Amino acid sequence: MDISNEEKDRIARADLEKLEYDIRAEAETAVEDFDAMGDEGAAAAAAETAGEFDEAMRGAK
């Protein structure tokens, strides 16, 4: 069974959206975990990385 290019594009977009969601969730969890451990520096670095990821994703769309 051949898959049309349109269907391949739809699947690829869905996969990318899932990855974006997973990365964002992991970054948020890292911030919360570092904060709970009292490691403010690591929490701030993780928050900055999450913010940079969000900014990059907005620029890519």
C-alpha atoms as a PDB file:
ATOM      1  CA  MET A   1       0.000   0.000   0.000  1.00  0.00           C
ATOM      2  CA  ASP A   2       1.452   3.319  -1.083  1.00  0.00           C
ATOM      3  CA  ILE A   3       0.997   6.356   1.109  1.00  0.00           C
ATOM      4  CA  SER A   4       0.350   9.658  -0.626  1.00  0.00           C
ATOM      5  CA  ASN A   5       2.680  12.577  -0.100  1.00  0.00           C
ATOM      6  CA  GLU A   6      -0.139  14.444   1.604  1.00  0.00           C
ATOM      7  CA  GLU A   7      -0.583  11.611   4.094  1.00  0.00           C
ATOM      8  CA  LYS A   8       3.178  11.454   4.696  1.00  0.00           C
ATOM      9  CA  ASP A   9       3.161  15.207   5.362  1.00  0.00           C
ATOM     10  CA  ARG A  10       0.248  14.852   7.784  1.00  0.00           C
ATOM     11  CA  ILE A  11       2.023  12.041   9.645  1.00  0.00           C
ATOM     12  CA  ALA A  12       5.269  14.017   9.794  1.00  0.00           C
ATOM     13  CA  ARG A  13       3.457  17.106  11.147  1.00  0.00           C
ATOM     14  CA  ALA A  14       1.719  15.006  13.795  1.00  0.00           C
ATOM     15  CA  ASP A  15       5.034  13.415  14.803  1.00  0.00           C
ATOM     16  CA  LEU A  16       6.699  16.831  15.043  1.00  0.00           C
ATOM     17  CA  GLU A  17       3.865  18.224  17.161  1.00  0.00           C
ATOM     18  CA  LYS A  18       4.172  15.230  19.516  1.00  0.00           C
ATOM     19  CA  LEU A  19       7.926  15.766  19.828  1.00  0.00           C
ATOM     20  CA  GLU A  20       7.412  19.475  20.511  1.00  0.00           C
ATOM     21  CA  TYR A  21       4.895  18.652  23.236  1.00  0.00           C
ATOM     22  CA  ASP A  22       7.184  16.031  24.796  1.00  0.00           C
ATOM     23  CA  ILE A  23      10.203  18.354  24.787  1.00  0.00           C
ATOM     24  CA  ARG A  24       8.205  21.200  26.318  1.00  0.00           C
ATOM     25  CA  ALA A  25       6.789  18.888  29.013  1.00  0.00           C
ATOM     26  CA  GLU A  26      10.262  17.528  29.813  1.00  0.00           C
ATOM     27  CA  ALA A  27      11.660  21.049  30.121  1.00  0.00           C
ATOM     28  CA  GLU A  28       8.849  22.094  32.455  1.00  0.00           C
ATOM     29  CA  THR A  29       9.397  18.979  34.569  1.00  0.00           C
ATOM     30  CA  ALA A  30      13.126  19.705  34.768  1.00  0.00           C
ATOM     31  CA  VAL A  31      12.429  23.225  36.031  1.00  0.00           C
ATOM     32  CA  GLU A  32      10.049  21.890  38.677  1.00  0.00           C
ATOM     33  CA  ASP A  33      12.464  19.129  39.726  1.00  0.00           C
ATOM     34  CA  PHE A  34      15.450  21.458  40.068  1.00  0.00           C
ATOM     35  CA  ASP A  35      13.290  23.958  41.935  1.00  0.00           C
ATOM     36  CA  ALA A  36      12.083  21.241  44.331  1.00  0.00           C
ATOM     37  CA  MET A  37      15.701  20.239  44.973  1.00  0.00           C
ATOM     38  CA  GLY A  38      16.512  23.855  45.779  1.00  0.00           C
ATOM     39  CA  ASP A  39      18.914  24.177  42.849  1.00  0.00           C
ATOM     40  CA  GLU A  40      17.919  27.646  41.696  1.00  0.00           C
ATOM     41  CA  GLY A  41      20.755  27.894  39.182  1.00  0.00           C
ATOM     42  CA  ALA A  42      19.796  24.682  37.404  1.00  0.00           C
ATOM     43  CA  ALA A  43      16.103  25.629  37.537  1.00  0.00           C
ATOM     44  CA  ALA A  44      16.886  28.992  35.961  1.00  0.00           C
ATOM     45  CA  ALA A  45      19.038  27.358  33.277  1.00  0.00           C
ATOM     46  CA  ALA A  46      16.311  24.829  32.489  1.00  0.00           C
ATOM     47  CA  ALA A  47      13.708  27.607  32.326  1.00  0.00           C
ATOM     48  CA  GLU A  48      15.940  29.593  29.979  1.00  0.00           C
ATOM     49  CA  THR A  49      16.405  26.547  27.749  1.00  0.00           C
ATOM     50  CA  ALA A  50      12.646  25.945  27.709  1.00  0.00           C
ATOM     51  CA  GLY A  51      12.075  29.581  26.783  1.00  0.00           C
ATOM     52  CA  GLU A  52      14.633  29.398  23.989  1.00  0.00           C
ATOM     53  CA  PHE A  53      12.949  26.251  22.678  1.00  0.00           C
ATOM     54  CA  ASP A  54       9.540  27.949  22.673  1.00  0.00           C
ATOM     55  CA  GLU A  55      10.983  30.983  20.901  1.00  0.00           C
ATOM     56  CA  ALA A  56      12.680  28.811  18.282  1.00  0.00           C
ATOM     57  CA  MET A  57       9.484  26.872  17.658  1.00  0.00           C
ATOM     58  CA  ARG A  58       7.468  30.077  17.215  1.00  0.00           C
ATOM     59  CA  GLY A  59      10.051  31.254  14.701  1.00  0.00           C
ATOM     60  CA  ALA A  60       9.876  27.970  12.804  1.00  0.00           C
ATOM     61  CA  LYS A  61       6.108  28.107  12.297  1.00  0.00           C
END
